[in-house]
Amino acid sequence: MTDIEERRNMAGSFAGRAILVTGGTGSFGRKFIDTLLREYPIARVVVYSRDELKQEEMRTNLGFTDPRVRWFIGDVRDERRLARAMNGIDIVVHAAALKQVPTLEYNPIEAVKTNIGGAESVINAAIDRGVKKVMAISTDKAVNPVNLYGATKLVAEKLFTQGNVYADPIGGTAFSCCRYGNVVGSRGSVIPLFLKQRETGTITITDERMTRFWLTLEQGVYFVLRCIEQMVGGEVFVPKLPSMRTMDLARAIAPECRIENIGIRPGEKLHEVLVSRNESRQTHELYDMYVIEPVIRFRKPAVWQWESVPRMEADTEYTSDGNAHWLTAEELRKMAQIG
C-alpha cells in the first residue's frame, strides 16, 4: 500500500470526529492541526494552549479561519479547564510539555507540575469526559533518561500506558504513546543555530561522534495519525527512523565553515535510544515501527492485535549509533530544506 492510499484509508477513521490537541500552538501541534484541516473530514478540532499570542498568530498569520476550529486558552495543569475543553471530544493528542533541558534543570518543580501533573490531569479529564482515544507524544529522552526532562517524560509514559487500568474496560478511554527522535524544523532544533553560526564562519558542535534519530514534522504527524487509528491502549509506538551524525549535518549546512568541538553538555547523550534492552523483551517489530507492551500489564485488552506480530530480538536495543539507515548530506539538506 502506498503512503497516499494509506492516508486515504485513514481519513475514514477520522470522519466526523472531534479532536483536541494540547500544546496546539507548538511546532507539532500546528502541523498536526493544519494536516487535519486540509486532509481529514473531521467535525471539530480544539486548539488547547496557554499562550494567547501564539493562538492569535496561528489564527491570523497562518490563515486558520476554518469554522471547525475552536480556541481554548488553558494549562494542562488545570484539570477543570481540560474537562470543559474535552466536552464532546473523541480523540485527544497530548503534545503539551516543558522541553528545554537547562530550563527544567533550573526549575525542576515546574517541570514535574507540567510534564507529570499535566499528564495526570489529561488522563483524569479524558476518562471523566468519555474521550475514546488519547495519544501522548513522548521522546527518545524518556529512554534511560540522563536529565529531568527525560525523567518526567518517562513518568508521563508510565501514567498514560497504565491509565488504561482506570478506564472502563468495555468502550472506555484508551491511552497510548508515540515516542520518536529529533524533529527537523521544530523549536529547539540545531538547524537554526547552525544557519546563524554559518554567517560567522565557525560551527560549534558538542562532540564529533554524536548521533541522533531524525524525522520531519510531516513524518511525525502522519506517524501519530496512523498510530491513533491502530491503537488498542497501552502501547508505546516507535517509528523506525534514519540516523544522522551531527558532524555530517554541520558539514551539509556549512561545508566551508570551520568546525569547533566545544564538548558535550550536561544532561546530553552522545547517542539516543528509542528502544532499550530491557524493553526489547516486550517489543513487537513491524517493518517500519516497533510496538512496546507495558512492562506490567494489569489488564489485557479484549483484542490485542499485536500478539501475532514477531517480537524484537531479546536483549537488543534500537539506538541512533547502531542504526542501519544513515542519512547522506544530500538527504540532510533536503529534509532541512537547505539549498
C-alpha atoms as a PDB file:
ATOM      1  CA  MET A   1       0.000   0.000   0.000  1.00  0.00           C
ATOM      2  CA  THR A   2       1.359   3.429  -0.927  1.00  0.00           C
ATOM      3  CA  ASP A   3       1.533   6.355   1.514  1.00  0.00           C
ATOM      4  CA  ILE A   4      -1.266   8.105  -0.380  1.00  0.00           C
ATOM      5  CA  GLU A   5      -3.505   5.025  -0.216  1.00  0.00           C
ATOM      6  CA  GLU A   6      -2.786   4.589   3.485  1.00  0.00           C
ATOM      7  CA  ARG A   7      -3.639   8.224   4.204  1.00  0.00           C
ATOM      8  CA  ARG A   8      -6.836   7.937   2.185  1.00  0.00           C
ATOM      9  CA  ASN A   9      -7.851   4.883   4.207  1.00  0.00           C
ATOM     10  CA  MET A  10      -7.038   6.664   7.465  1.00  0.00           C
ATOM     11  CA  ALA A  11      -9.230   9.607   6.540  1.00  0.00           C
ATOM     12  CA  GLY A  12     -12.325   7.486   7.084  1.00  0.00           C
ATOM     13  CA  SER A  13     -11.241   6.719  10.650  1.00  0.00           C
ATOM     14  CA  PHE A  14     -11.327  10.424  11.499  1.00  0.00           C
ATOM     15  CA  ALA A  15     -14.521  11.317   9.642  1.00  0.00           C
ATOM     16  CA  GLY A  16     -16.864  13.318  11.854  1.00  0.00           C
ATOM     17  CA  ARG A  17     -14.502  13.110  14.833  1.00  0.00           C
ATOM     18  CA  ALA A  18     -13.845  15.904  17.330  1.00  0.00           C
ATOM     19  CA  ILE A  19     -10.155  16.163  18.243  1.00  0.00           C
ATOM     20  CA  LEU A  20      -8.367  18.178  20.931  1.00  0.00           C
ATOM     21  CA  VAL A  21      -4.634  18.935  20.775  1.00  0.00           C
ATOM     22  CA  THR A  22      -2.857  20.097  23.916  1.00  0.00           C
ATOM     23  CA  GLY A  23       0.138  22.233  23.067  1.00  0.00           C
ATOM     24  CA  GLY A  24      -1.770  23.030  19.890  1.00  0.00           C
ATOM     25  CA  THR A  25       0.323  26.119  19.105  1.00  0.00           C
ATOM     26  CA  GLY A  26       3.660  24.294  19.283  1.00  0.00           C
ATOM     27  CA  SER A  27       5.606  23.084  16.251  1.00  0.00           C
ATOM     28  CA  PHE A  28       3.961  19.661  16.221  1.00  0.00           C
ATOM     29  CA  GLY A  29       0.513  20.958  17.157  1.00  0.00           C
ATOM     30  CA  ARG A  30       0.395  23.495  14.350  1.00  0.00           C
ATOM     31  CA  LYS A  31       1.485  20.982  11.721  1.00  0.00           C
ATOM     32  CA  PHE A  32      -0.871  18.323  13.072  1.00  0.00           C
ATOM     33  CA  ILE A  33      -3.882  20.644  13.073  1.00  0.00           C
ATOM     34  CA  ASP A  34      -3.049  22.018   9.630  1.00  0.00           C
ATOM     35  CA  THR A  35      -2.902  18.442   8.296  1.00  0.00           C
ATOM     36  CA  LEU A  36      -6.226  17.539   9.901  1.00  0.00           C
ATOM     37  CA  LEU A  37      -7.977  20.539   8.384  1.00  0.00           C
ATOM     38  CA  ARG A  38      -6.541  20.010   4.908  1.00  0.00           C
ATOM     39  CA  GLU A  39      -6.800  16.244   4.548  1.00  0.00           C
ATOM     40  CA  TYR A  40      -9.285  14.767   7.024  1.00  0.00           C
ATOM     41  CA  PRO A  41     -13.093  15.188   7.211  1.00  0.00           C
ATOM     42  CA  ILE A  42     -13.099  15.955  10.933  1.00  0.00           C
ATOM     43  CA  ALA A  43     -16.032  17.664  12.624  1.00  0.00           C
ATOM     44  CA  ARG A  44     -14.073  19.842  15.048  1.00  0.00           C
ATOM     45  CA  VAL A  45     -10.577  20.466  16.363  1.00  0.00           C
ATOM     46  CA  VAL A  46      -9.807  22.216  19.646  1.00  0.00           C
ATOM     47  CA  VAL A  47      -6.512  24.102  19.954  1.00  0.00           C
ATOM     48  CA  TYR A  48      -5.614  23.962  23.649  1.00  0.00           C
ATOM     49  CA  SER A  49      -2.622  26.004  24.832  1.00  0.00           C
ATOM     50  CA  ARG A  50      -1.736  28.637  27.402  1.00  0.00           C
ATOM     51  CA  ASP A  51      -0.197  31.264  25.108  1.00  0.00           C
ATOM     52  CA  GLU A  52      -2.775  33.735  23.789  1.00  0.00           C
ATOM     53  CA  LEU A  53      -0.242  35.424  21.483  1.00  0.00           C
ATOM     54  CA  LYS A  54       0.632  32.163  19.728  1.00  0.00           C
ATOM     55  CA  GLN A  55      -3.056  31.366  19.333  1.00  0.00           C
ATOM     56  CA  GLU A  56      -3.676  34.776  17.779  1.00  0.00           C
ATOM     57  CA  GLU A  57      -0.700  34.355  15.439  1.00  0.00           C
ATOM     58  CA  MET A  58      -1.917  30.901  14.467  1.00  0.00           C
ATOM     59  CA  ARG A  59      -5.421  32.202  13.847  1.00  0.00           C
ATOM     60  CA  THR A  60      -4.393  35.206  11.751  1.00  0.00           C
ATOM     61  CA  ASN A  61      -0.937  34.790  10.241  1.00  0.00           C
ATOM     62  CA  LEU A  62      -1.498  31.183   9.225  1.00  0.00           C
ATOM     63  CA  GLY A  63      -4.974  31.816   7.965  1.00  0.00           C
ATOM     64  CA  PHE A  64      -6.719  29.336  10.263  1.00  0.00           C
ATOM     65  CA  THR A  65     -10.259  30.697   9.785  1.00  0.00           C
ATOM     66  CA  ASP A  66     -11.858  27.272   9.381  1.00  0.00           C
ATOM     67  CA  PRO A  67     -15.150  27.159  11.338  1.00  0.00           C
ATOM     68  CA  ARG A  68     -14.235  23.682  12.607  1.00  0.00           C
ATOM     69  CA  VAL A  69     -11.507  25.169  14.830  1.00  0.00           C
ATOM     70  CA  ARG A  70     -12.104  26.102  18.485  1.00  0.00           C
ATOM     71  CA  TRP A  71      -9.592  28.046  20.568  1.00  0.00           C
ATOM     72  CA  PHE A  72      -9.133  27.275  24.267  1.00  0.00           C
ATOM     73  CA  ILE A  73      -6.684  29.149  26.475  1.00  0.00           C
ATOM     74  CA  GLY A  74      -5.719  26.777  29.254  1.00  0.00           C
ATOM     75  CA  ASP A  75      -2.925  24.987  31.075  1.00  0.00           C
ATOM     76  CA  VAL A  76      -2.658  21.191  31.210  1.00  0.00           C
ATOM     77  CA  ARG A  77      -2.213  21.553  34.962  1.00  0.00           C
ATOM     78  CA  ASP A  78      -5.829  22.760  35.166  1.00  0.00           C
ATOM     79  CA  GLU A  79      -7.997  19.639  35.175  1.00  0.00           C
ATOM     80  CA  ARG A  80     -11.289  21.555  35.305  1.00  0.00           C
ATOM     81  CA  ARG A  81     -10.374  23.591  32.244  1.00  0.00           C
ATOM     82  CA  LEU A  82      -9.311  20.438  30.419  1.00  0.00           C
ATOM     83  CA  ALA A  83     -12.630  18.807  31.285  1.00  0.00           C
ATOM     84  CA  ARG A  84     -14.500  21.764  29.836  1.00  0.00           C
ATOM     85  CA  ALA A  85     -12.375  21.707  26.659  1.00  0.00           C
ATOM     86  CA  MET A  86     -12.907  17.940  26.265  1.00  0.00           C
ATOM     87  CA  ASN A  87     -16.674  18.172  26.219  1.00  0.00           C
ATOM     88  CA  GLY A  88     -17.818  16.145  23.187  1.00  0.00           C
ATOM     89  CA  ILE A  89     -14.241  15.243  22.200  1.00  0.00           C
ATOM     90  CA  ASP A  90     -13.496  11.833  20.652  1.00  0.00           C
ATOM     91  CA  ILE A  91      -9.681  11.949  20.406  1.00  0.00           C
ATOM     92  CA  VAL A  92      -7.039  13.813  22.423  1.00  0.00           C
ATOM     93  CA  VAL A  93      -3.456  14.295  21.251  1.00  0.00           C
ATOM     94  CA  HIS A  94      -1.346  15.373  24.217  1.00  0.00           C
ATOM     95  CA  ALA A  95       1.648  17.312  22.881  1.00  0.00           C
ATOM     96  CA  ALA A  96       1.994  19.955  25.610  1.00  0.00           C
ATOM     97  CA  ALA A  97       5.200  19.803  27.659  1.00  0.00           C
ATOM     98  CA  LEU A  98       8.079  21.827  29.041  1.00  0.00           C
ATOM     99  CA  LYS A  99      11.091  20.674  26.998  1.00  0.00           C
ATOM    100  CA  GLN A 100      14.155  22.902  27.358  1.00  0.00           C
ATOM    101  CA  VAL A 101      16.686  20.790  29.267  1.00  0.00           C
ATOM    102  CA  PRO A 102      18.673  23.576  31.055  1.00  0.00           C
ATOM    103  CA  THR A 103      15.473  25.448  31.967  1.00  0.00           C
ATOM    104  CA  LEU A 104      13.923  22.360  33.505  1.00  0.00           C
ATOM    105  CA  GLU A 105      17.066  21.561  35.477  1.00  0.00           C
ATOM    106  CA  TYR A 106      16.827  25.069  36.959  1.00  0.00           C
ATOM    107  CA  ASN A 107      13.055  24.831  37.517  1.00  0.00           C
ATOM    108  CA  PRO A 108      12.522  21.157  38.434  1.00  0.00           C
ATOM    109  CA  ILE A 109       9.229  21.578  40.289  1.00  0.00           C
ATOM    110  CA  GLU A 110       7.679  23.367  37.321  1.00  0.00           C
ATOM    111  CA  ALA A 111       8.807  20.517  35.064  1.00  0.00           C
ATOM    112  CA  VAL A 112       7.125  17.981  37.346  1.00  0.00           C
ATOM    113  CA  LYS A 113       3.914  20.020  37.585  1.00  0.00           C
ATOM    114  CA  THR A 114       3.519  20.321  33.799  1.00  0.00           C
ATOM    115  CA  ASN A 115       5.012  17.129  32.392  1.00  0.00           C
ATOM    116  CA  ILE A 116       3.818  14.753  35.125  1.00  0.00           C
ATOM    117  CA  GLY A 117       0.959  16.590  36.839  1.00  0.00           C
ATOM    118  CA  GLY A 118      -0.327  17.743  33.455  1.00  0.00           C
ATOM    119  CA  ALA A 119      -0.325  14.158  32.197  1.00  0.00           C
ATOM    120  CA  GLU A 120      -2.407  13.105  35.189  1.00  0.00           C
ATOM    121  CA  SER A 121      -4.862  15.934  34.541  1.00  0.00           C
ATOM    122  CA  VAL A 122      -5.257  14.931  30.894  1.00  0.00           C
ATOM    123  CA  ILE A 123      -5.888  11.303  31.896  1.00  0.00           C
ATOM    124  CA  ASN A 124      -8.484  12.184  34.535  1.00  0.00           C
ATOM    125  CA  ALA A 125     -10.333  14.662  32.334  1.00  0.00           C
ATOM    126  CA  ALA A 126     -10.376  12.262  29.371  1.00  0.00           C
ATOM    127  CA  ILE A 127     -11.836   9.418  31.435  1.00  0.00           C
ATOM    128  CA  ASP A 128     -14.435  11.653  33.066  1.00  0.00           C
ATOM    129  CA  ARG A 129     -15.497  13.116  29.701  1.00  0.00           C
ATOM    130  CA  GLY A 130     -15.685   9.770  27.920  1.00  0.00           C
ATOM    131  CA  VAL A 131     -12.972  10.500  25.358  1.00  0.00           C
ATOM    132  CA  LYS A 132     -12.395   7.415  23.188  1.00  0.00           C
ATOM    133  CA  LYS A 133      -8.669   7.681  22.480  1.00  0.00           C
ATOM    134  CA  VAL A 134      -5.745   9.624  23.960  1.00  0.00           C
ATOM    135  CA  MET A 135      -2.342   9.636  22.269  1.00  0.00           C
ATOM    136  CA  ALA A 136       0.547  11.204  24.188  1.00  0.00           C
ATOM    137  CA  ILE A 137       3.636  12.454  22.358  1.00  0.00           C
ATOM    138  CA  SER A 138       6.843  11.248  24.001  1.00  0.00           C
ATOM    139  CA  THR A 139      10.533  11.451  23.187  1.00  0.00           C
ATOM    140  CA  ASP A 140      13.665   9.348  22.958  1.00  0.00           C
ATOM    141  CA  LYS A 141      14.857  11.318  26.003  1.00  0.00           C
ATOM    142  CA  ALA A 142      12.449   9.175  28.072  1.00  0.00           C
ATOM    143  CA  VAL A 143      14.604   6.083  27.473  1.00  0.00           C
ATOM    144  CA  ASN A 144      17.400   5.682  30.025  1.00  0.00           C
ATOM    145  CA  PRO A 145      16.983   9.378  30.974  1.00  0.00           C
ATOM    146  CA  VAL A 146      20.018  11.447  31.956  1.00  0.00           C
ATOM    147  CA  ASN A 147      18.179  14.724  32.591  1.00  0.00           C
ATOM    148  CA  LEU A 148      14.995  15.862  34.319  1.00  0.00           C
ATOM    149  CA  TYR A 149      13.136  16.400  31.062  1.00  0.00           C
ATOM    150  CA  GLY A 150      13.680  12.772  30.075  1.00  0.00           C
ATOM    151  CA  ALA A 151      12.760  11.583  33.564  1.00  0.00           C
ATOM    152  CA  THR A 152       9.459  13.467  33.537  1.00  0.00           C
ATOM    153  CA  LYS A 153       8.605  12.092  30.103  1.00  0.00           C
ATOM    154  CA  LEU A 154       9.396   8.577  31.301  1.00  0.00           C
ATOM    155  CA  VAL A 155       6.936   9.015  34.164  1.00  0.00           C
ATOM    156  CA  ALA A 156       4.366  10.508  31.786  1.00  0.00           C
ATOM    157  CA  GLU A 157       4.682   7.444  29.530  1.00  0.00           C
ATOM    158  CA  LYS A 158       4.016   5.182  32.523  1.00  0.00           C
ATOM    159  CA  LEU A 159       0.996   7.259  33.520  1.00  0.00           C
ATOM    160  CA  PHE A 160      -0.530   7.027  30.051  1.00  0.00           C
ATOM    161  CA  THR A 161       0.140   3.352  29.389  1.00  0.00           C
ATOM    162  CA  GLN A 162      -1.207   2.379  32.809  1.00  0.00           C
ATOM    163  CA  GLY A 163      -4.014   4.938  32.649  1.00  0.00           C
ATOM    164  CA  ASN A 164      -5.959   2.232  30.824  1.00  0.00           C
ATOM    165  CA  VAL A 165      -6.411   0.487  34.189  1.00  0.00           C
ATOM    166  CA  TYR A 166      -8.681   3.302  35.383  1.00  0.00           C
ATOM    167  CA  ALA A 167     -10.871   3.421  32.287  1.00  0.00           C
ATOM    168  CA  ASP A 168     -13.914   1.265  31.629  1.00  0.00           C
ATOM    169  CA  PRO A 169     -12.553  -1.955  30.024  1.00  0.00           C
ATOM    170  CA  ILE A 170     -15.533  -2.059  27.639  1.00  0.00           C
ATOM    171  CA  GLY A 171     -15.658   1.007  25.439  1.00  0.00           C
ATOM    172  CA  GLY A 172     -13.768   3.233  27.871  1.00  0.00           C
ATOM    173  CA  THR A 173     -10.879   5.602  27.161  1.00  0.00           C
ATOM    174  CA  ALA A 174      -7.791   4.040  25.557  1.00  0.00           C
ATOM    175  CA  PHE A 175      -4.367   5.565  26.259  1.00  0.00           C
ATOM    176  CA  SER A 176      -1.162   5.078  24.237  1.00  0.00           C
ATOM    177  CA  CYS A 177       2.078   6.930  23.436  1.00  0.00           C
ATOM    178  CA  CYS A 178       4.159   7.783  20.372  1.00  0.00           C
ATOM    179  CA  ARG A 179       7.890   8.028  21.056  1.00  0.00           C
ATOM    180  CA  TYR A 180      10.299   9.385  18.449  1.00  0.00           C
ATOM    181  CA  GLY A 181      13.505  11.353  17.971  1.00  0.00           C
ATOM    182  CA  ASN A 182      14.645  14.810  16.924  1.00  0.00           C
ATOM    183  CA  VAL A 183      12.303  16.720  14.630  1.00  0.00           C
ATOM    184  CA  VAL A 184      13.633  18.822  11.755  1.00  0.00           C
ATOM    185  CA  GLY A 185      12.200  22.329  11.916  1.00  0.00           C
ATOM    186  CA  SER A 186      10.830  22.176  15.448  1.00  0.00           C
ATOM    187  CA  ARG A 187      11.636  24.832  18.017  1.00  0.00           C
ATOM    188  CA  GLY A 188      14.965  23.973  19.629  1.00  0.00           C
ATOM    189  CA  SER A 189      16.297  22.262  16.504  1.00  0.00           C
ATOM    190  CA  VAL A 190      20.026  22.651  15.943  1.00  0.00           C
ATOM    191  CA  ILE A 191      19.491  23.750  12.332  1.00  0.00           C
ATOM    192  CA  PRO A 192      18.641  27.413  13.078  1.00  0.00           C
ATOM    193  CA  LEU A 193      21.759  27.581  15.276  1.00  0.00           C
ATOM    194  CA  PHE A 194      23.983  26.190  12.517  1.00  0.00           C
ATOM    195  CA  LEU A 195      22.477  28.576   9.970  1.00  0.00           C
ATOM    196  CA  LYS A 196      23.172  31.538  12.235  1.00  0.00           C
ATOM    197  CA  GLN A 197      26.700  30.350  13.007  1.00  0.00           C
ATOM    198  CA  ARG A 198      27.367  29.851   9.290  1.00  0.00           C
ATOM    199  CA  GLU A 199      27.488  33.624   8.943  1.00  0.00           C
ATOM    200  CA  THR A 200      30.420  33.759  11.377  1.00  0.00           C
ATOM    201  CA  GLY A 201      32.478  31.118   9.574  1.00  0.00           C
ATOM    202  CA  THR A 202      32.552  28.753  12.563  1.00  0.00           C
ATOM    203  CA  ILE A 203      30.120  25.974  13.510  1.00  0.00           C
ATOM    204  CA  THR A 204      30.189  24.621  17.076  1.00  0.00           C
ATOM    205  CA  ILE A 205      29.305  21.018  17.886  1.00  0.00           C
ATOM    206  CA  THR A 206      29.394  19.336  21.279  1.00  0.00           C
ATOM    207  CA  ASP A 207      31.037  16.094  20.139  1.00  0.00           C
ATOM    208  CA  GLU A 208      32.042  14.948  16.657  1.00  0.00           C
ATOM    209  CA  ARG A 209      30.902  11.382  17.464  1.00  0.00           C
ATOM    210  CA  MET A 210      27.337  12.428  18.349  1.00  0.00           C
ATOM    211  CA  THR A 211      24.432  10.776  16.509  1.00  0.00           C
ATOM    212  CA  ARG A 212      20.687  11.422  16.531  1.00  0.00           C
ATOM    213  CA  PHE A 213      17.490   9.968  15.094  1.00  0.00           C
ATOM    214  CA  TRP A 214      15.954  12.382  12.589  1.00  0.00           C
ATOM    215  CA  LEU A 215      12.488  12.934  11.106  1.00  0.00           C
ATOM    216  CA  THR A 216      10.449  15.782   9.671  1.00  0.00           C
ATOM    217  CA  LEU A 217       7.376  17.311  11.266  1.00  0.00           C
ATOM    218  CA  GLU A 218       5.266  15.874   8.460  1.00  0.00           C
ATOM    219  CA  GLN A 219       6.585  12.368   9.110  1.00  0.00           C
ATOM    220  CA  GLY A 220       5.859  12.765  12.819  1.00  0.00           C
ATOM    221  CA  VAL A 221       2.300  13.917  12.148  1.00  0.00           C
ATOM    222  CA  TYR A 222       1.426  11.038   9.825  1.00  0.00           C
ATOM    223  CA  PHE A 223       3.011   8.531  12.195  1.00  0.00           C
ATOM    224  CA  VAL A 224       0.859   9.801  15.068  1.00  0.00           C
ATOM    225  CA  LEU A 225      -2.288   9.703  12.900  1.00  0.00           C
ATOM    226  CA  ARG A 226      -1.557   6.131  11.868  1.00  0.00           C
ATOM    227  CA  CYS A 227      -0.941   5.061  15.476  1.00  0.00           C
ATOM    228  CA  ILE A 228      -4.176   6.682  16.669  1.00  0.00           C
ATOM    229  CA  GLU A 229      -6.027   4.621  14.101  1.00  0.00           C
ATOM    230  CA  GLN A 230      -4.318   1.359  15.138  1.00  0.00           C
ATOM    231  CA  MET A 231      -4.027   1.775  18.909  1.00  0.00           C
ATOM    232  CA  VAL A 232      -5.785  -0.539  21.334  1.00  0.00           C
ATOM    233  CA  GLY A 233      -4.498   1.033  24.543  1.00  0.00           C
ATOM    234  CA  GLY A 234      -1.256   0.570  26.484  1.00  0.00           C
ATOM    235  CA  GLU A 235       1.150   0.633  23.545  1.00  0.00           C
ATOM    236  CA  VAL A 236       4.209   2.798  23.054  1.00  0.00           C
ATOM    237  CA  PHE A 237       4.680   3.208  19.299  1.00  0.00           C
ATOM    238  CA  VAL A 238       8.215   3.826  17.981  1.00  0.00           C
ATOM    239  CA  PRO A 239       8.929   4.534  14.290  1.00  0.00           C
ATOM    240  CA  LYS A 240      11.985   3.165  12.536  1.00  0.00           C
ATOM    241  CA  LEU A 241      13.945   6.293  11.679  1.00  0.00           C
ATOM    242  CA  PRO A 242      17.170   7.175   9.883  1.00  0.00           C
ATOM    243  CA  SER A 243      20.138   8.365  11.907  1.00  0.00           C
ATOM    244  CA  MET A 244      22.405  11.307  11.275  1.00  0.00           C
ATOM    245  CA  ARG A 245      25.779  12.369  12.582  1.00  0.00           C
ATOM    246  CA  THR A 246      25.845  15.892  13.955  1.00  0.00           C
ATOM    247  CA  MET A 247      29.177  16.379  12.191  1.00  0.00           C
ATOM    248  CA  ASP A 248      27.583  15.388   8.862  1.00  0.00           C
ATOM    249  CA  LEU A 249      24.735  17.852   9.442  1.00  0.00           C
ATOM    250  CA  ALA A 250      27.168  20.676  10.169  1.00  0.00           C
ATOM    251  CA  ARG A 251      29.124  19.916   7.012  1.00  0.00           C
ATOM    252  CA  ALA A 252      25.943  19.648   4.948  1.00  0.00           C
ATOM    253  CA  ILE A 253      24.720  23.052   6.128  1.00  0.00           C
ATOM    254  CA  ALA A 254      28.051  24.882   6.090  1.00  0.00           C
ATOM    255  CA  PRO A 255      30.730  22.911   4.212  1.00  0.00           C
ATOM    256  CA  GLU A 256      33.007  25.935   4.012  1.00  0.00           C
ATOM    257  CA  CYS A 257      32.976  26.668   7.769  1.00  0.00           C
ATOM    258  CA  ARG A 258      35.452  25.698  10.448  1.00  0.00           C
ATOM    259  CA  ILE A 259      34.007  23.208  12.974  1.00  0.00           C
ATOM    260  CA  GLU A 260      34.818  23.715  16.651  1.00  0.00           C
ATOM    261  CA  ASN A 261      34.269  20.927  19.186  1.00  0.00           C
ATOM    262  CA  ILE A 262      33.060  22.503  22.463  1.00  0.00           C
ATOM    263  CA  GLY A 263      32.401  19.336  24.461  1.00  0.00           C
ATOM    264  CA  ILE A 264      29.224  17.508  25.437  1.00  0.00           C
ATOM    265  CA  ARG A 265      26.819  19.494  27.612  1.00  0.00           C
ATOM    266  CA  PRO A 266      25.425  18.403  30.998  1.00  0.00           C
ATOM    267  CA  GLY A 267      22.291  16.308  30.532  1.00  0.00           C
ATOM    268  CA  GLU A 268      23.151  15.473  26.912  1.00  0.00           C
ATOM    269  CA  LYS A 269      23.680  11.984  25.478  1.00  0.00           C
ATOM    270  CA  LEU A 270      26.271  11.002  22.917  1.00  0.00           C
ATOM    271  CA  HIS A 271      23.749   8.702  21.206  1.00  0.00           C
ATOM    272  CA  GLU A 272      19.995   8.330  21.514  1.00  0.00           C
ATOM    273  CA  VAL A 273      17.971   5.209  22.339  1.00  0.00           C
ATOM    274  CA  LEU A 274      14.405   4.622  21.152  1.00  0.00           C
ATOM    275  CA  VAL A 275      14.005   1.055  22.435  1.00  0.00           C
ATOM    276  CA  SER A 276      16.127  -0.079  25.378  1.00  0.00           C
ATOM    277  CA  ARG A 277      17.494  -3.562  26.029  1.00  0.00           C
ATOM    278  CA  ASN A 278      15.058  -4.081  28.880  1.00  0.00           C
ATOM    279  CA  GLU A 279      12.112  -3.035  26.694  1.00  0.00           C
ATOM    280  CA  SER A 280      13.119  -5.362  23.846  1.00  0.00           C
ATOM    281  CA  ARG A 281      11.577  -8.317  25.678  1.00  0.00           C
ATOM    282  CA  GLN A 282       8.069  -6.855  25.346  1.00  0.00           C
ATOM    283  CA  THR A 283       8.534  -5.180  21.966  1.00  0.00           C
ATOM    284  CA  HIS A 284       6.873  -6.280  18.713  1.00  0.00           C
ATOM    285  CA  GLU A 285       8.706  -5.407  15.486  1.00  0.00           C
ATOM    286  CA  LEU A 286       6.930  -4.429  12.288  1.00  0.00           C
ATOM    287  CA  TYR A 287       8.630  -3.473   9.022  1.00  0.00           C
ATOM    288  CA  ASP A 288       8.532   0.251   9.820  1.00  0.00           C
ATOM    289  CA  MET A 289       7.939   0.543  13.559  1.00  0.00           C
ATOM    290  CA  TYR A 290       8.117  -1.071  16.994  1.00  0.00           C
ATOM    291  CA  VAL A 291       5.178  -1.566  19.365  1.00  0.00           C
ATOM    292  CA  ILE A 292       6.131  -1.804  23.050  1.00  0.00           C
ATOM    293  CA  GLU A 293       3.803  -3.510  25.539  1.00  0.00           C
ATOM    294  CA  PRO A 294       3.569  -2.257  29.144  1.00  0.00           C
ATOM    295  CA  VAL A 295       6.232  -3.722  31.450  1.00  0.00           C
ATOM    296  CA  ILE A 296       3.456  -4.942  33.744  1.00  0.00           C
ATOM    297  CA  ARG A 297       0.074  -5.365  32.124  1.00  0.00           C
ATOM    298  CA  PHE A 298      -2.566  -5.383  34.814  1.00  0.00           C
ATOM    299  CA  ARG A 299      -5.429  -5.808  32.391  1.00  0.00           C
ATOM    300  CA  LYS A 300      -5.021  -7.177  28.885  1.00  0.00           C
ATOM    301  CA  PRO A 301      -7.372  -5.674  26.280  1.00  0.00           C
ATOM    302  CA  ALA A 302     -10.026  -7.984  24.872  1.00  0.00           C
ATOM    303  CA  VAL A 303      -8.368  -7.517  21.474  1.00  0.00           C
ATOM    304  CA  TRP A 304      -4.560  -7.329  21.458  1.00  0.00           C
ATOM    305  CA  GLN A 305      -3.841  -7.163  17.754  1.00  0.00           C
ATOM    306  CA  TRP A 306      -0.075  -7.245  18.193  1.00  0.00           C
ATOM    307  CA  GLU A 307       0.023 -10.782  19.601  1.00  0.00           C
ATOM    308  CA  SER A 308       0.793 -12.329  16.209  1.00  0.00           C
ATOM    309  CA  VAL A 309       3.467  -9.750  15.359  1.00  0.00           C
ATOM    310  CA  PRO A 310       7.045 -11.081  15.813  1.00  0.00           C
ATOM    311  CA  ARG A 311       8.963  -9.769  18.789  1.00  0.00           C
ATOM    312  CA  MET A 312      12.178  -7.813  18.715  1.00  0.00           C
ATOM    313  CA  GLU A 313      15.232  -9.923  19.489  1.00  0.00           C
ATOM    314  CA  ALA A 314      15.596 -10.023  23.279  1.00  0.00           C
ATOM    315  CA  ASP A 315      18.372  -8.021  24.957  1.00  0.00           C
ATOM    316  CA  THR A 316      18.967  -5.863  21.901  1.00  0.00           C
ATOM    317  CA  GLU A 317      18.342  -2.133  21.574  1.00  0.00           C
ATOM    318  CA  TYR A 318      17.431   0.396  18.934  1.00  0.00           C
ATOM    319  CA  THR A 319      19.986   3.201  19.062  1.00  0.00           C
ATOM    320  CA  SER A 320      20.992   6.076  16.819  1.00  0.00           C
ATOM    321  CA  ASP A 321      24.602   4.872  16.540  1.00  0.00           C
ATOM    322  CA  GLY A 322      23.686   1.232  15.830  1.00  0.00           C
ATOM    323  CA  ASN A 323      21.168   2.074  13.127  1.00  0.00           C
ATOM    324  CA  ALA A 324      21.300   0.504   9.663  1.00  0.00           C
ATOM    325  CA  HIS A 325      19.890   3.608   7.921  1.00  0.00           C
ATOM    326  CA  TRP A 326      22.086   6.715   7.779  1.00  0.00           C
ATOM    327  CA  LEU A 327      21.198   9.992   6.100  1.00  0.00           C
ATOM    328  CA  THR A 328      23.522  11.335   3.410  1.00  0.00           C
ATOM    329  CA  ALA A 329      24.500  15.002   3.168  1.00  0.00           C
ATOM    330  CA  GLU A 330      22.048  15.431   0.291  1.00  0.00           C
ATOM    331  CA  GLU A 331      19.216  13.851   2.296  1.00  0.00           C
ATOM    332  CA  LEU A 332      20.032  16.049   5.285  1.00  0.00           C
ATOM    333  CA  ARG A 333      19.896  19.208   3.170  1.00  0.00           C
ATOM    334  CA  LYS A 334      16.610  18.084   1.613  1.00  0.00           C
ATOM    335  CA  MET A 335      14.999  17.331   4.980  1.00  0.00           C
ATOM    336  CA  ALA A 336      16.225  20.636   6.376  1.00  0.00           C
ATOM    337  CA  GLN A 337      15.110  22.430   3.192  1.00  0.00           C
ATOM    338  CA  ILE A 338      18.539  23.953   2.734  1.00  0.00           C
ATOM    339  CA  GLY A 339      19.897  24.526  -0.732  1.00  0.00           C
END
